[in-house]
């Protein structure tokens, strides 16, 4: 179950659109990127909400959905290009996704 939450960063990093960097990344954008990476819609919606609720900056969210972001190690969000603050928030979000979103899979 923990692995399901930890796959979210590589899925986000491997999917998503280019586009205007100044446009805000919405919960729907994050969910769509997760779904494009193969996650179930309910789980992706839940995970996207957790990522946004955690307060990851727009820059951090852009890194998460950027096509050419380094997926690297899902537990090392900074290697994907996030700031330390956003990486800490993403790590916290991953833990919350395990407890909050896994029930959507049952």
PDB file of N, CA and C in Angstrom:
ATOM      1  N   UNK A   1       0.813  -1.201   0.000  1.00  0.00           N
ATOM      2  CA  UNK A   1       0.000   0.000   0.000  1.00  0.00           C
ATOM      3  C   UNK A   1       0.854   1.261   0.000  1.00  0.00           C
ATOM      4  N   UNK A   2       1.917   1.241   0.762  1.00  0.00           N
ATOM      5  CA  UNK A   2       2.814   2.393   0.785  1.00  0.00           C
ATOM      6  C   UNK A   2       3.377   2.622  -0.606  1.00  0.00           C
ATOM      7  N   UNK A   3       3.670   1.546  -1.299  1.00  0.00           N
ATOM      8  CA  UNK A   3       4.227   1.671  -2.648  1.00  0.00           C
ATOM      9  C   UNK A   3       3.271   2.409  -3.567  1.00  0.00           C
ATOM     10  N   UNK A   4       1.976   2.189  -3.412  1.00  0.00           N
ATOM     11  CA  UNK A   4       1.006   2.883  -4.258  1.00  0.00           C
ATOM     12  C   UNK A   4       1.081   4.387  -4.073  1.00  0.00           C
ATOM     13  N   UNK A   5       1.290   4.822  -2.857  1.00  0.00           N
ATOM     14  CA  UNK A   5       1.409   6.262  -2.615  1.00  0.00           C
ATOM     15  C   UNK A   5       2.729   6.798  -3.126  1.00  0.00           C
ATOM     16  N   UNK A   6       3.781   6.015  -3.006  1.00  0.00           N
ATOM     17  CA  UNK A   6       5.098   6.483  -3.418  1.00  0.00           C
ATOM     18  C   UNK A   6       5.276   6.502  -4.922  1.00  0.00           C
ATOM     19  N   UNK A   7       4.400   5.827  -5.656  1.00  0.00           N
ATOM     20  CA  UNK A   7       4.514   5.870  -7.111  1.00  0.00           C
ATOM     21  C   UNK A   7       3.964   7.156  -7.686  1.00  0.00           C
ATOM     22  N   UNK A   8       3.306   7.954  -6.885  1.00  0.00           N
ATOM     23  CA  UNK A   8       2.673   9.146  -7.436  1.00  0.00           C
ATOM     24  C   UNK A   8       3.654  10.124  -8.037  1.00  0.00           C
ATOM     25  N   UNK A   9       4.810  10.336  -7.438  1.00  0.00           N
ATOM     26  CA  UNK A   9       5.753  11.297  -8.019  1.00  0.00           C
ATOM     27  C   UNK A   9       6.270  10.839  -9.367  1.00  0.00           C
ATOM     28  N   UNK A  10       6.757   9.604  -9.499  1.00  0.00           N
ATOM     29  CA  UNK A  10       7.213   9.207 -10.832  1.00  0.00           C
ATOM     30  C   UNK A  10       6.099   9.257 -11.868  1.00  0.00           C
ATOM     31  N   UNK A  11       4.888   8.903 -11.483  1.00  0.00           N
ATOM     32  CA  UNK A  11       3.782   8.983 -12.432  1.00  0.00           C
ATOM     33  C   UNK A  11       3.523  10.414 -12.841  1.00  0.00           C
ATOM     34  N   UNK A  12       3.564  11.306 -11.880  1.00  0.00           N
ATOM     35  CA  UNK A  12       3.372  12.717 -12.200  1.00  0.00           C
ATOM     36  C   UNK A  12       4.509  13.237 -13.051  1.00  0.00           C
ATOM     37  N   UNK A  13       5.710  12.857 -12.713  1.00  0.00           N
ATOM     38  CA  UNK A  13       6.865  13.366 -13.448  1.00  0.00           C
ATOM     39  C   UNK A  13       6.890  12.846 -14.873  1.00  0.00           C
ATOM     40  N   UNK A  14       6.327  11.679 -15.086  1.00  0.00           N
ATOM     41  CA  UNK A  14       6.361  11.102 -16.417  1.00  0.00           C
ATOM     42  C   UNK A  14       5.203  11.509 -17.291  1.00  0.00           C
ATOM     43  N   UNK A  15       4.248  12.212 -16.754  1.00  0.00           N
ATOM     44  CA  UNK A  15       3.056  12.572 -17.489  1.00  0.00           C
ATOM     45  C   UNK A  15       2.777  14.044 -17.311  1.00  0.00           C
ATOM     46  N   UNK A  16       1.784  14.493 -18.001  1.00  0.00           N
ATOM     47  CA  UNK A  16       1.393  15.883 -17.836  1.00  0.00           C
ATOM     48  C   UNK A  16       1.770  16.679 -19.041  1.00  0.00           C
ATOM     49  N   UNK A  17       1.337  17.914 -19.045  1.00  0.00           N
ATOM     50  CA  UNK A  17       1.531  18.705 -20.237  1.00  0.00           C
ATOM     51  C   UNK A  17       2.554  19.772 -20.074  1.00  0.00           C
ATOM     52  N   UNK A  18       3.049  20.190 -21.218  1.00  0.00           N
ATOM     53  CA  UNK A  18       3.859  21.386 -21.293  1.00  0.00           C
ATOM     54  C   UNK A  18       2.887  22.534 -21.137  1.00  0.00           C
ATOM     55  N   UNK A  19       3.008  23.549 -21.819  1.00  0.00           N
ATOM     56  CA  UNK A  19       2.023  24.603 -21.690  1.00  0.00           C
ATOM     57  C   UNK A  19       2.606  25.770 -20.954  1.00  0.00           C
ATOM     58  N   UNK A  20       1.763  26.720 -20.697  1.00  0.00           N
ATOM     59  CA  UNK A  20       2.192  27.972 -20.101  1.00  0.00           C
ATOM     60  C   UNK A  20       2.619  27.757 -18.663  1.00  0.00           C
ATOM     61  N   UNK A  21       3.869  28.074 -18.369  1.00  0.00           N
ATOM     62  CA  UNK A  21       4.377  27.884 -17.012  1.00  0.00           C
ATOM     63  C   UNK A  21       3.712  28.813 -16.012  1.00  0.00           C
ATOM     64  N   UNK A  22       3.110  29.901 -16.475  1.00  0.00           N
ATOM     65  CA  UNK A  22       2.495  30.833 -15.541  1.00  0.00           C
ATOM     66  C   UNK A  22       1.090  30.405 -15.138  1.00  0.00           C
ATOM     67  N   UNK A  23       0.516  29.453 -15.856  1.00  0.00           N
ATOM     68  CA  UNK A  23      -0.824  28.981 -15.515  1.00  0.00           C
ATOM     69  C   UNK A  23      -0.773  28.197 -14.210  1.00  0.00           C
ATOM     70  N   UNK A  24      -1.766  28.418 -13.362  1.00  0.00           N
ATOM     71  CA  UNK A  24      -1.826  27.685 -12.101  1.00  0.00           C
ATOM     72  C   UNK A  24      -2.122  26.211 -12.353  1.00  0.00           C
ATOM     73  N   UNK A  25      -1.478  25.369 -11.585  1.00  0.00           N
ATOM     74  CA  UNK A  25      -1.726  23.936 -11.630  1.00  0.00           C
ATOM     75  C   UNK A  25      -2.874  23.657 -10.668  1.00  0.00           C
ATOM     76  N   UNK A  26      -3.936  23.077 -11.180  1.00  0.00           N
ATOM     77  CA  UNK A  26      -5.121  22.805 -10.371  1.00  0.00           C
ATOM     78  C   UNK A  26      -5.116  21.362  -9.875  1.00  0.00           C
ATOM     79  N   UNK A  27      -6.031  21.085  -8.969  1.00  0.00           N
ATOM     80  CA  UNK A  27      -6.206  19.716  -8.486  1.00  0.00           C
ATOM     81  C   UNK A  27      -6.557  18.807  -9.659  1.00  0.00           C
ATOM     82  N   UNK A  28      -7.385  19.305 -10.571  1.00  0.00           N
ATOM     83  CA  UNK A  28      -7.766  18.520 -11.749  1.00  0.00           C
ATOM     84  C   UNK A  28      -6.547  18.206 -12.619  1.00  0.00           C
ATOM     85  N   UNK A  29      -5.629  19.167 -12.749  1.00  0.00           N
ATOM     86  CA  UNK A  29      -4.409  18.934 -13.532  1.00  0.00           C
ATOM     87  C   UNK A  29      -3.573  17.814 -12.918  1.00  0.00           C
ATOM     88  N   UNK A  30      -3.415  17.858 -11.608  1.00  0.00           N
ATOM     89  CA  UNK A  30      -2.624  16.836 -10.922  1.00  0.00           C
ATOM     90  C   UNK A  30      -3.306  15.477 -11.058  1.00  0.00           C
ATOM     91  N   UNK A  31      -4.622  15.436 -10.856  1.00  0.00           N
ATOM     92  CA  UNK A  31      -5.356  14.183 -10.975  1.00  0.00           C
ATOM     93  C   UNK A  31      -5.250  13.619 -12.394  1.00  0.00           C
ATOM     94  N   UNK A  32      -5.405  14.481 -13.375  1.00  0.00           N
ATOM     95  CA  UNK A  32      -5.317  14.044 -14.772  1.00  0.00           C
ATOM     96  C   UNK A  32      -3.942  13.452 -15.064  1.00  0.00           C
ATOM     97  N   UNK A  33      -2.909  14.077 -14.542  1.00  0.00           N
ATOM     98  CA  UNK A  33      -1.554  13.582 -14.737  1.00  0.00           C
ATOM     99  C   UNK A  33      -1.370  12.214 -14.075  1.00  0.00           C
ATOM    100  N   UNK A  34      -1.898  12.066 -12.875  1.00  0.00           N
ATOM    101  CA  UNK A  34      -1.825  10.775 -12.185  1.00  0.00           C
ATOM    102  C   UNK A  34      -2.581   9.698 -12.955  1.00  0.00           C
ATOM    103  N   UNK A  35      -3.761  10.046 -13.458  1.00  0.00           N
ATOM    104  CA  UNK A  35      -4.548   9.086 -14.223  1.00  0.00           C
ATOM    105  C   UNK A  35      -3.839   8.693 -15.514  1.00  0.00           C
ATOM    106  N   UNK A  36      -3.199   9.660 -16.160  1.00  0.00           N
ATOM    107  CA  UNK A  36      -2.444   9.363 -17.378  1.00  0.00           C
ATOM    108  C   UNK A  36      -1.289   8.415 -17.077  1.00  0.00           C
ATOM    109  N   UNK A  37      -0.823   8.434 -15.841  1.00  0.00           N
ATOM    110  CA  UNK A  37       0.239   7.530 -15.414  1.00  0.00           C
ATOM    111  C   UNK A  37      -0.264   6.164 -14.995  1.00  0.00           C
ATOM    112  N   UNK A  38      -1.577   5.971 -15.026  1.00  0.00           N
ATOM    113  CA  UNK A  38      -2.135   4.658 -14.762  1.00  0.00           C
ATOM    114  C   UNK A  38      -2.893   4.488 -13.461  1.00  0.00           C
ATOM    115  N   UNK A  39      -3.039   5.556 -12.690  1.00  0.00           N
ATOM    116  CA  UNK A  39      -3.782   5.419 -11.437  1.00  0.00           C
ATOM    117  C   UNK A  39      -5.285   5.488 -11.681  1.00  0.00           C
ATOM    118  N   UNK A  40      -6.011   4.792 -10.860  1.00  0.00           N
ATOM    119  CA  UNK A  40      -7.465   4.824 -10.841  1.00  0.00           C
ATOM    120  C   UNK A  40      -7.948   6.254 -10.589  1.00  0.00           C
ATOM    121  N   UNK A  41      -9.057   6.643 -11.208  1.00  0.00           N
ATOM    122  CA  UNK A  41      -9.557   8.020 -11.112  1.00  0.00           C
ATOM    123  C   UNK A  41      -9.841   8.441  -9.667  1.00  0.00           C
ATOM    124  N   UNK A  42     -10.482   7.579  -8.880  1.00  0.00           N
ATOM    125  CA  UNK A  42     -10.794   7.940  -7.488  1.00  0.00           C
ATOM    126  C   UNK A  42      -9.525   8.146  -6.669  1.00  0.00           C
ATOM    127  N   UNK A  43      -8.577   7.235  -6.842  1.00  0.00           N
ATOM    128  CA  UNK A  43      -7.313   7.348  -6.114  1.00  0.00           C
ATOM    129  C   UNK A  43      -6.564   8.602  -6.558  1.00  0.00           C
ATOM    130  N   UNK A  44      -6.532   8.856  -7.854  1.00  0.00           N
ATOM    131  CA  UNK A  44      -5.840  10.029  -8.389  1.00  0.00           C
ATOM    132  C   UNK A  44      -6.474  11.314  -7.879  1.00  0.00           C
ATOM    133  N   UNK A  45      -7.803  11.362  -7.848  1.00  0.00           N
ATOM    134  CA  UNK A  45      -8.491  12.554  -7.329  1.00  0.00           C
ATOM    135  C   UNK A  45      -8.134  12.791  -5.867  1.00  0.00           C
ATOM    136  N   UNK A  46      -8.137  11.720  -5.091  1.00  0.00           N
ATOM    137  CA  UNK A  46      -7.810  11.823  -3.669  1.00  0.00           C
ATOM    138  C   UNK A  46      -6.362  12.268  -3.480  1.00  0.00           C
ATOM    139  N   UNK A  47      -5.447  11.639  -4.198  1.00  0.00           N
ATOM    140  CA  UNK A  47      -4.027  11.982  -4.072  1.00  0.00           C
ATOM    141  C   UNK A  47      -3.777  13.424  -4.493  1.00  0.00           C
ATOM    142  N   UNK A  48      -4.419  13.859  -5.568  1.00  0.00           N
ATOM    143  CA  UNK A  48      -4.249  15.239  -6.038  1.00  0.00           C
ATOM    144  C   UNK A  48      -4.710  16.225  -4.975  1.00  0.00           C
ATOM    145  N   UNK A  49      -5.827  15.918  -4.330  1.00  0.00           N
ATOM    146  CA  UNK A  49      -6.332  16.798  -3.275  1.00  0.00           C
ATOM    147  C   UNK A  49      -5.331  16.878  -2.124  1.00  0.00           C
ATOM    148  N   UNK A  50      -4.773  15.748  -1.747  1.00  0.00           N
ATOM    149  CA  UNK A  50      -3.793  15.731  -0.657  1.00  0.00           C
ATOM    150  C   UNK A  50      -2.568  16.563  -1.029  1.00  0.00           C
ATOM    151  N   UNK A  51      -2.063  16.397  -2.246  1.00  0.00           N
ATOM    152  CA  UNK A  51      -0.898  17.188  -2.667  1.00  0.00           C
ATOM    153  C   UNK A  51      -1.194  18.683  -2.585  1.00  0.00           C
ATOM    154  N   UNK A  52      -2.355  19.112  -3.060  1.00  0.00           N
ATOM    155  CA  UNK A  52      -2.677  20.539  -3.015  1.00  0.00           C
ATOM    156  C   UNK A  52      -2.942  21.007  -1.593  1.00  0.00           C
ATOM    157  N   UNK A  53      -3.655  20.198  -0.811  1.00  0.00           N
ATOM    158  CA  UNK A  53      -3.943  20.568   0.581  1.00  0.00           C
ATOM    159  C   UNK A  53      -2.668  20.685   1.413  1.00  0.00           C
ATOM    160  N   UNK A  54      -1.638  19.950   1.029  1.00  0.00           N
ATOM    161  CA  UNK A  54      -0.376  19.976   1.766  1.00  0.00           C
ATOM    162  C   UNK A  54       0.348  21.308   1.568  1.00  0.00           C
ATOM    163  N   UNK A  55      -0.055  22.059   0.556  1.00  0.00           N
ATOM    164  CA  UNK A  55       0.526  23.388   0.350  1.00  0.00           C
ATOM    165  C   UNK A  55       1.758  23.422  -0.534  1.00  0.00           C
ATOM    166  N   UNK A  56       1.917  22.419  -1.382  1.00  0.00           N
ATOM    167  CA  UNK A  56       3.034  22.431  -2.325  1.00  0.00           C
ATOM    168  C   UNK A  56       2.856  23.637  -3.242  1.00  0.00           C
ATOM    169  N   UNK A  57       3.934  24.364  -3.462  1.00  0.00           N
ATOM    170  CA  UNK A  57       3.867  25.583  -4.276  1.00  0.00           C
ATOM    171  C   UNK A  57       3.510  25.263  -5.724  1.00  0.00           C
ATOM    172  N   UNK A  58       3.098  26.283  -6.443  1.00  0.00           N
ATOM    173  CA  UNK A  58       2.814  26.109  -7.861  1.00  0.00           C
ATOM    174  C   UNK A  58       4.059  25.610  -8.604  1.00  0.00           C
ATOM    175  N   UNK A  59       5.223  26.131  -8.240  1.00  0.00           N
ATOM    176  CA  UNK A  59       6.458  25.654  -8.874  1.00  0.00           C
ATOM    177  C   UNK A  59       6.662  24.166  -8.607  1.00  0.00           C
ATOM    178  N   UNK A  60       6.413  23.754  -7.377  1.00  0.00           N
ATOM    179  CA  UNK A  60       6.548  22.342  -7.032  1.00  0.00           C
ATOM    180  C   UNK A  60       5.555  21.474  -7.780  1.00  0.00           C
ATOM    181  N   UNK A  61       4.321  21.951  -7.887  1.00  0.00           N
ATOM    182  CA  UNK A  61       3.307  21.203  -8.635  1.00  0.00           C
ATOM    183  C   UNK A  61       3.678  21.114 -10.108  1.00  0.00           C
ATOM    184  N   UNK A  62       4.230  22.190 -10.647  1.00  0.00           N
ATOM    185  CA  UNK A  62       4.669  22.162 -12.051  1.00  0.00           C
ATOM    186  C   UNK A  62       5.760  21.116 -12.259  1.00  0.00           C
ATOM    187  N   UNK A  63       6.682  21.021 -11.299  1.00  0.00           N
ATOM    188  CA  UNK A  63       7.729  19.999 -11.387  1.00  0.00           C
ATOM    189  C   UNK A  63       7.085  18.618 -11.398  1.00  0.00           C
ATOM    190  N   UNK A  64       6.076  18.425 -10.559  1.00  0.00           N
ATOM    191  CA  UNK A  64       5.431  17.121 -10.448  1.00  0.00           C
ATOM    192  C   UNK A  64       4.778  16.680 -11.751  1.00  0.00           C
ATOM    193  N   UNK A  65       4.209  17.609 -12.504  1.00  0.00           N
ATOM    194  CA  UNK A  65       3.490  17.208 -13.714  1.00  0.00           C
ATOM    195  C   UNK A  65       4.281  17.464 -14.998  1.00  0.00           C
ATOM    196  N   UNK A  66       5.482  17.984 -14.865  1.00  0.00           N
ATOM    197  CA  UNK A  66       6.298  18.287 -16.039  1.00  0.00           C
ATOM    198  C   UNK A  66       6.779  17.000 -16.694  1.00  0.00           C
ATOM    199  N   UNK A  67       6.613  16.912 -18.003  1.00  0.00           N
ATOM    200  CA  UNK A  67       6.979  15.705 -18.743  1.00  0.00           C
ATOM    201  C   UNK A  67       8.426  15.296 -18.571  1.00  0.00           C
ATOM    202  N   UNK A  68       9.341  16.252 -18.607  1.00  0.00           N
ATOM    203  CA  UNK A  68      10.747  15.884 -18.589  1.00  0.00           C
ATOM    204  C   UNK A  68      11.386  15.969 -17.212  1.00  0.00           C
ATOM    205  N   UNK A  69      10.567  16.046 -16.164  1.00  0.00           N
ATOM    206  CA  UNK A  69      11.122  16.048 -14.800  1.00  0.00           C
ATOM    207  C   UNK A  69      11.768  14.698 -14.529  1.00  0.00           C
ATOM    208  N   UNK A  70      12.814  14.696 -13.741  1.00  0.00           N
ATOM    209  CA  UNK A  70      13.473  13.444 -13.373  1.00  0.00           C
ATOM    210  C   UNK A  70      12.575  12.689 -12.406  1.00  0.00           C
ATOM    211  N   UNK A  71      12.263  11.455 -12.721  1.00  0.00           N
ATOM    212  CA  UNK A  71      11.469  10.645 -11.804  1.00  0.00           C
ATOM    213  C   UNK A  71      12.331  10.165 -10.644  1.00  0.00           C
ATOM    214  N   UNK A  72      13.565   9.810 -10.937  1.00  0.00           N
ATOM    215  CA  UNK A  72      14.524   9.383  -9.923  1.00  0.00           C
ATOM    216  C   UNK A  72      13.872   8.482  -8.885  1.00  0.00           C
ATOM    217  N   UNK A  73      14.186   8.694  -7.645  1.00  0.00           N
ATOM    218  CA  UNK A  73      13.686   7.898  -6.536  1.00  0.00           C
ATOM    219  C   UNK A  73      12.478   8.610  -5.949  1.00  0.00           C
ATOM    220  N   UNK A  74      11.353   7.907  -5.868  1.00  0.00           N
ATOM    221  CA  UNK A  74      10.123   8.528  -5.381  1.00  0.00           C
ATOM    222  C   UNK A  74      10.263   9.087  -3.978  1.00  0.00           C
ATOM    223  N   UNK A  75      11.197   8.569  -3.200  1.00  0.00           N
ATOM    224  CA  UNK A  75      11.362   9.081  -1.845  1.00  0.00           C
ATOM    225  C   UNK A  75      12.276  10.308  -1.804  1.00  0.00           C
ATOM    226  N   UNK A  76      12.873  10.661  -2.927  1.00  0.00           N
ATOM    227  CA  UNK A  76      13.764  11.819  -2.988  1.00  0.00           C
ATOM    228  C   UNK A  76      13.178  12.854  -3.942  1.00  0.00           C
ATOM    229  N   UNK A  77      12.218  13.593  -3.450  1.00  0.00           N
ATOM    230  CA  UNK A  77      11.506  14.562  -4.270  1.00  0.00           C
ATOM    231  C   UNK A  77      12.422  15.675  -4.767  1.00  0.00           C
ATOM    232  N   UNK A  78      13.461  16.003  -4.012  1.00  0.00           N
ATOM    233  CA  UNK A  78      14.378  17.054  -4.437  1.00  0.00           C
ATOM    234  C   UNK A  78      15.114  16.666  -5.709  1.00  0.00           C
ATOM    235  N   UNK A  79      15.407  15.391  -5.892  1.00  0.00           N
ATOM    236  CA  UNK A  79      16.100  14.969  -7.106  1.00  0.00           C
ATOM    237  C   UNK A  79      15.224  15.170  -8.334  1.00  0.00           C
ATOM    238  N   UNK A  80      13.927  15.303  -8.130  1.00  0.00           N
ATOM    239  CA  UNK A  80      13.007  15.574  -9.233  1.00  0.00           C
ATOM    240  C   UNK A  80      12.961  17.060  -9.559  1.00  0.00           C
ATOM    241  N   UNK A  81      13.629  17.873  -8.745  1.00  0.00           N
ATOM    242  CA  UNK A  81      13.691  19.300  -9.026  1.00  0.00           C
ATOM    243  C   UNK A  81      12.890  20.175  -8.089  1.00  0.00           C
ATOM    244  N   UNK A  82      12.340  19.603  -7.030  1.00  0.00           N
ATOM    245  CA  UNK A  82      11.563  20.398  -6.072  1.00  0.00           C
ATOM    246  C   UNK A  82      12.476  21.096  -5.076  1.00  0.00           C
ATOM    247  N   UNK A  83      11.986  22.198  -4.550  1.00  0.00           N
ATOM    248  CA  UNK A  83      12.689  22.854  -3.448  1.00  0.00           C
ATOM    249  C   UNK A  83      12.613  21.949  -2.222  1.00  0.00           C
ATOM    250  N   UNK A  84      13.467  22.181  -1.250  1.00  0.00           N
ATOM    251  CA  UNK A  84      13.437  21.374  -0.028  1.00  0.00           C
ATOM    252  C   UNK A  84      12.085  21.488   0.662  1.00  0.00           C
ATOM    253  N   UNK A  85      11.534  22.699   0.713  1.00  0.00           N
ATOM    254  CA  UNK A  85      10.236  22.896   1.373  1.00  0.00           C
ATOM    255  C   UNK A  85       9.143  22.095   0.672  1.00  0.00           C
ATOM    256  N   UNK A  86       9.116  22.156  -0.662  1.00  0.00           N
ATOM    257  CA  UNK A  86       8.109  21.396  -1.403  1.00  0.00           C
ATOM    258  C   UNK A  86       8.357  19.896  -1.296  1.00  0.00           C
ATOM    259  N   UNK A  87       9.624  19.495  -1.299  1.00  0.00           N
ATOM    260  CA  UNK A  87       9.952  18.076  -1.156  1.00  0.00           C
ATOM    261  C   UNK A  87       9.457  17.549   0.187  1.00  0.00           C
ATOM    262  N   UNK A  88       9.635  18.336   1.243  1.00  0.00           N
ATOM    263  CA  UNK A  88       9.136  17.940   2.565  1.00  0.00           C
ATOM    264  C   UNK A  88       7.616  17.809   2.551  1.00  0.00           C
ATOM    265  N   UNK A  89       6.948  18.748   1.895  1.00  0.00           N
ATOM    266  CA  UNK A  89       5.483  18.706   1.807  1.00  0.00           C
ATOM    267  C   UNK A  89       5.021  17.508   0.983  1.00  0.00           C
ATOM    268  N   UNK A  90       5.730  17.207  -0.091  1.00  0.00           N
ATOM    269  CA  UNK A  90       5.372  16.058  -0.925  1.00  0.00           C
ATOM    270  C   UNK A  90       5.562  14.755  -0.157  1.00  0.00           C
ATOM    271  N   UNK A  91       6.621  14.681   0.632  1.00  0.00           N
ATOM    272  CA  UNK A  91       6.858  13.488   1.454  1.00  0.00           C
ATOM    273  C   UNK A  91       5.735  13.317   2.478  1.00  0.00           C
ATOM    274  N   UNK A  92       5.339  14.418   3.091  1.00  0.00           N
ATOM    275  CA  UNK A  92       4.233  14.383   4.042  1.00  0.00           C
ATOM    276  C   UNK A  92       2.938  13.975   3.342  1.00  0.00           C
ATOM    277  N   UNK A  93       2.733  14.507   2.143  1.00  0.00           N
ATOM    278  CA  UNK A  93       1.532  14.165   1.373  1.00  0.00           C
ATOM    279  C   UNK A  93       1.511  12.676   1.058  1.00  0.00           C
ATOM    280  N   UNK A  94       2.657  12.108   0.701  1.00  0.00           N
ATOM    281  CA  UNK A  94       2.717  10.681   0.379  1.00  0.00           C
ATOM    282  C   UNK A  94       2.254   9.836   1.559  1.00  0.00           C
ATOM    283  N   UNK A  95       2.660  10.221   2.760  1.00  0.00           N
ATOM    284  CA  UNK A  95       2.225   9.491   3.954  1.00  0.00           C
ATOM    285  C   UNK A  95       0.717   9.633   4.156  1.00  0.00           C
ATOM    286  N   UNK A  96       0.204  10.838   3.919  1.00  0.00           N
ATOM    287  CA  UNK A  96      -1.238  11.065   4.073  1.00  0.00           C
ATOM    288  C   UNK A  96      -2.032  10.326   3.006  1.00  0.00           C
ATOM    289  N   UNK A  97      -1.469  10.212   1.815  1.00  0.00           N
ATOM    290  CA  UNK A  97      -2.149   9.489   0.740  1.00  0.00           C
ATOM    291  C   UNK A  97      -2.361   8.040   1.143  1.00  0.00           C
ATOM    292  N   UNK A  98      -1.377   7.457   1.815  1.00  0.00           N
ATOM    293  CA  UNK A  98      -1.514   6.074   2.277  1.00  0.00           C
ATOM    294  C   UNK A  98      -2.719   5.937   3.196  1.00  0.00           C
ATOM    295  N   UNK A  99      -2.842   6.836   4.166  1.00  0.00           N
ATOM    296  CA  UNK A  99      -3.933   6.705   5.129  1.00  0.00           C
ATOM    297  C   UNK A  99      -5.264   7.216   4.595  1.00  0.00           C
ATOM    298  N   UNK A 100      -5.242   8.225   3.745  1.00  0.00           N
ATOM    299  CA  UNK A 100      -6.488   8.842   3.292  1.00  0.00           C
ATOM    300  C   UNK A 100      -7.051   8.250   2.011  1.00  0.00           C
ATOM    301  N   UNK A 101      -6.201   7.857   1.107  1.00  0.00           N
ATOM    302  CA  UNK A 101      -6.665   7.486  -0.231  1.00  0.00           C
ATOM    303  C   UNK A 101      -6.734   5.990  -0.479  1.00  0.00           C
ATOM    304  N   UNK A 102      -6.025   5.206   0.293  1.00  0.00           N
ATOM    305  CA  UNK A 102      -6.034   3.766   0.051  1.00  0.00           C
ATOM    306  C   UNK A 102      -7.430   3.181   0.220  1.00  0.00           C
ATOM    307  N   UNK A 103      -8.240   3.784   1.081  1.00  0.00           N
ATOM    308  CA  UNK A 103      -9.597   3.263   1.276  1.00  0.00           C
ATOM    309  C   UNK A 103     -10.449   3.412   0.019  1.00  0.00           C
ATOM    310  N   UNK A 104     -10.073   4.321  -0.892  1.00  0.00           N
ATOM    311  CA  UNK A 104     -10.824   4.464  -2.140  1.00  0.00           C
ATOM    312  C   UNK A 104     -10.577   3.284  -3.065  1.00  0.00           C
ATOM    313  N   UNK A 105      -9.532   2.523  -2.797  1.00  0.00           N
ATOM    314  CA  UNK A 105      -9.176   1.372  -3.623  1.00  0.00           C
ATOM    315  C   UNK A 105      -9.882   0.099  -3.180  1.00  0.00           C
ATOM    316  N   UNK A 106     -10.560   0.147  -2.057  1.00  0.00           N
ATOM    317  CA  UNK A 106     -11.183  -1.070  -1.522  1.00  0.00           C
ATOM    318  C   UNK A 106     -12.632  -1.147  -1.885  1.00  0.00           C
TER     319      UNK A 106
END
